[in-house]
Protein backbone atom coordinates (compact mmCIF):
# COMPACT_ATOMS: atom_id res chain seq x y z
CA MET A 1 61.07 -25.33 58.79
CA LYS A 2 58.95 -24.41 61.34
CA LEU A 3 55.22 -25.54 61.52
CA TYR A 4 55.32 -21.10 63.31
CA GLU A 5 56.54 -18.65 62.32
CA LEU A 6 58.11 -16.51 64.86
CA THR A 7 60.00 -13.00 64.52
CA GLY A 8 62.28 -11.18 66.54
CA GLN A 9 62.48 -11.64 70.19
CA PHE A 10 60.34 -15.09 70.35
CA LEU A 11 62.61 -16.42 67.37
CA GLU A 12 65.35 -15.48 69.67
CA LEU A 13 63.80 -17.08 72.44
CA LEU A 14 63.35 -20.30 70.91
CA ASN A 15 66.24 -20.65 69.13
CA MET A 16 66.95 -19.95 73.20
CA PHE A 17 65.03 -22.65 73.79
CA GLU A 18 66.33 -25.28 71.47
CA ASP A 19 70.27 -23.98 72.11
CA ASP A 20 71.47 -26.56 75.90
CA GLU A 21 74.48 -24.18 76.63
CA VAL A 22 71.73 -21.02 77.02
CA ASP A 23 71.97 -20.03 81.19
CA GLU A 24 67.85 -20.68 81.70
CA GLN A 25 68.08 -17.18 84.21
CA ILE A 26 69.17 -15.79 80.06
CA ILE A 27 65.82 -17.28 79.23
CA MET A 28 64.24 -15.88 82.02
CA ASP A 29 65.90 -12.31 81.79
CA THR A 30 64.77 -12.46 78.34
CA LEU A 31 61.40 -13.79 79.26
CA GLU A 32 60.62 -10.83 81.03
CA GLY A 33 61.95 -8.46 78.45
CA VAL A 34 59.87 -9.32 75.56
CA GLU A 35 57.38 -5.83 76.25
CA CYS A 36 53.90 -6.87 74.20
CA GLU A 37 50.24 -6.70 75.08
CA ILE A 38 49.84 -10.13 76.88
CA GLU A 39 47.38 -11.29 73.97
CA GLU A 40 51.04 -11.15 72.13
CA LYS A 41 53.07 -12.98 74.27
CA ALA A 42 50.57 -15.84 75.09
CA ASP A 43 50.77 -16.00 70.92
CA GLY A 44 54.08 -15.85 70.82
CA TYR A 45 54.88 -18.12 73.33
CA ALA A 46 51.81 -20.78 71.84
CA LYS A 47 54.05 -20.58 69.07
CA ILE A 48 56.95 -21.57 70.31
CA ILE A 49 55.45 -24.20 72.75
CA LYS A 50 54.60 -25.71 69.37
CA ASN A 51 58.07 -25.43 67.86
CA LEU A 52 59.39 -28.00 70.20
CA GLU A 53 56.61 -29.53 70.30
CA MET A 54 57.46 -30.89 66.70
CA ASP A 55 61.53 -31.13 67.35
CA ILE A 56 60.14 -33.63 70.23
CA GLU A 57 57.85 -35.47 68.24
CA GLY A 58 61.08 -35.20 65.45
CA ILE A 59 63.87 -36.16 67.81
CA GLU A 60 61.48 -39.47 69.79
CA LYS A 61 60.86 -40.63 65.55
CA GLU A 62 64.30 -40.69 65.70
CA ASN A 63 65.00 -42.44 68.65
CA ASN A 64 62.70 -44.91 67.71
CA ARG A 65 63.91 -45.44 63.74
CA LEU A 66 67.27 -45.96 66.20
CA LYS A 67 65.86 -48.23 68.79
CA ALA A 68 64.99 -50.32 66.41
CA ARG A 69 68.56 -50.35 64.22
CA GLN A 70 69.29 -50.86 68.30
CA LYS A 71 66.82 -54.57 67.95
CA THR A 72 68.66 -55.80 64.54
CA PHE A 73 71.82 -55.18 65.79
CA GLU A 74 71.27 -57.53 68.69
CA ASN A 75 69.26 -59.60 66.82
CA ARG A 76 71.29 -60.62 64.21
CA ILE A 77 74.71 -60.63 67.13
CA LYS A 78 72.52 -63.49 68.80
CA TRP A 79 72.15 -65.75 65.40
CA LEU A 80 75.22 -65.09 64.51
CA LYS A 81 76.11 -66.71 68.11
CA GLU A 82 74.13 -68.92 68.01
CA ASN A 83 74.71 -70.17 64.15
CA LEU A 84 78.27 -70.25 65.41
CA LYS A 85 77.55 -72.51 68.90
CA THR A 86 74.97 -75.06 65.76
CA CYS A 87 78.46 -75.12 63.80
CA MET A 88 81.39 -76.27 66.97
CA GLU A 89 78.74 -78.68 69.07
CA LEU A 90 77.94 -80.74 65.00
CA THR A 91 82.11 -79.70 64.34
CA GLY A 92 82.83 -81.05 67.79
CA LYS A 93 85.08 -78.13 68.33
CA ARG A 94 83.86 -76.98 71.43
CA LYS A 95 87.26 -74.01 72.36
CA PHE A 96 90.07 -73.12 70.01
CA THR A 97 91.86 -70.04 68.95
CA THR A 98 92.54 -68.72 66.18
CA GLU A 99 94.66 -65.67 65.42
CA LEU A 100 92.43 -62.75 66.13
CA PHE A 101 89.55 -64.61 69.26
CA SER A 102 89.56 -67.43 70.67
CA PHE A 103 85.45 -69.16 71.22
CA ASN A 104 84.53 -71.40 73.90
CA ILE A 105 81.07 -73.86 74.54
CA GLN A 106 80.90 -73.02 78.23
CA LYS A 107 78.04 -72.80 80.96
CA ASN A 108 76.81 -69.40 81.52
CA GLY A 109 77.01 -67.81 84.82
CA GLY A 110 74.51 -66.85 87.71
CA LYS A 111 71.92 -68.25 88.97
CA ARG A 112 69.84 -72.08 86.67
CA LYS A 113 65.99 -71.06 85.47
CA LEU A 114 64.22 -72.39 88.03
CA VAL A 115 60.47 -73.49 86.67
CA VAL A 116 57.64 -73.77 89.83
CA ASP A 117 55.45 -76.87 88.04
CA VAL A 118 52.37 -76.03 90.55
CA ASP A 119 50.33 -73.83 92.11
CA VAL A 120 51.96 -71.87 94.17
CA LYS A 121 49.43 -72.91 96.86
CA ASN A 122 50.77 -75.54 96.89
CA LEU A 123 54.11 -75.48 97.90
CA PRO A 124 55.33 -75.70 101.71
CA LYS A 125 55.28 -72.30 103.48
CA GLU A 126 59.02 -72.44 103.72
CA PHE A 127 58.59 -71.98 99.88
CA ARG A 128 56.04 -68.71 99.76
CA ILE A 129 57.03 -65.21 100.34
CA SER A 130 53.61 -63.14 102.37
CA GLN A 131 52.92 -60.39 99.98
CA PRO A 132 52.61 -56.83 101.93
CA ASP A 133 48.93 -54.98 101.39
CA VAL A 134 48.82 -52.86 98.72
CA VAL A 135 46.14 -49.51 98.84
CA ASN A 136 42.72 -50.12 96.24
CA GLY A 137 42.81 -46.43 95.05
CA ASP A 138 40.11 -46.75 92.61
CA ALA A 139 38.12 -48.24 95.90
CA LEU A 140 38.48 -45.82 98.37
CA ARG A 141 37.86 -42.66 96.31
CA ASP A 142 34.48 -44.31 94.87
CA TYR A 143 34.50 -44.87 98.87
CA LEU A 144 34.95 -41.31 99.49
CA LYS A 145 32.66 -39.97 96.75
CA ASP A 146 29.96 -42.91 97.83
CA ASN A 147 29.39 -41.55 101.38
CA GLY A 148 30.29 -38.53 101.36
CA TYR A 149 32.97 -37.59 103.00
CA ASP A 150 33.05 -33.17 101.53
CA GLY A 151 35.14 -31.13 103.21
CA GLN A 152 34.36 -27.52 103.61
CA ASP A 153 36.85 -26.27 101.06
CA GLY A 154 35.66 -28.83 98.53
CA SER A 155 37.68 -31.67 99.65
CA LEU A 156 37.34 -35.31 100.16
CA HIS A 157 38.18 -37.08 103.20
CA CYS A 158 38.34 -39.73 106.69
CA GLU A 159 40.58 -40.40 109.05
CA TRP A 160 42.37 -42.91 107.05
CA CYS A 161 42.86 -40.78 104.18
CA HIS A 162 42.00 -37.35 101.51
CA LEU A 163 42.31 -36.40 98.33
CA GLU A 164 43.75 -33.76 96.79
CA PRO A 165 42.40 -30.87 95.24
CA GLN A 166 42.80 -31.50 91.48
CA GLY A 167 45.79 -29.38 89.83
CA GLU A 168 45.41 -27.36 86.91
CA GLY A 169 47.20 -27.54 84.04
CA LEU A 170 47.18 -25.03 80.83
CA ARG A 171 46.10 -26.23 77.64
CA ILE A 172 46.98 -24.68 74.64
CA ARG A 173 44.78 -25.89 70.85
C-alpha cells in the first residue's frame, strides 16, 4: 500500500523507477513528456520521492531482519563447532572420519595473536611505527572564521587552505 496516491503519468513514472530493467533514458524521456504546471509536477515528483523513500524503509527493515537471522545462524554454527570440539577433546578423539565427514582438531592458520603488555612508548623504537600528521579540520575552520579570512565571493581562505561554498539541496516536507 502506498502513502501517496499517484495517477496517470506519475503512476507510470513510479512503476518505471521501481523496475530495475527500465533504462534511465526512457525515464528521462517520460519525465520530459509530463505536461502540467510546475506546482503539479512538483507534487507529482514529491509523491514519487515519498513512495520510493517508503520502499527504501521497507528494504532496510528487511535487510536488518535478514542480517539478524544471518547472525543467529553464525552464532549457532560457532556454538555447534565449539560444542563438538569440546566433546572430541573430552573423549580424546582429536581426529576421526565418518561416512560423511572428516573431523580434526588443528591449529588455526595465520599469525598468532600478539598482545603488547606495556605502553607503546616503552617499546624499543624499532618496534614502533610513526603515524603521519592528520589535519584537524575543525580547528582550521575555526581559525579561518575567527581570523576573518573572507574572500570577496564570501569564501574563507588563507595561503594554505580554504572552505568551499556551502552546497544546496532540495528539502520536501
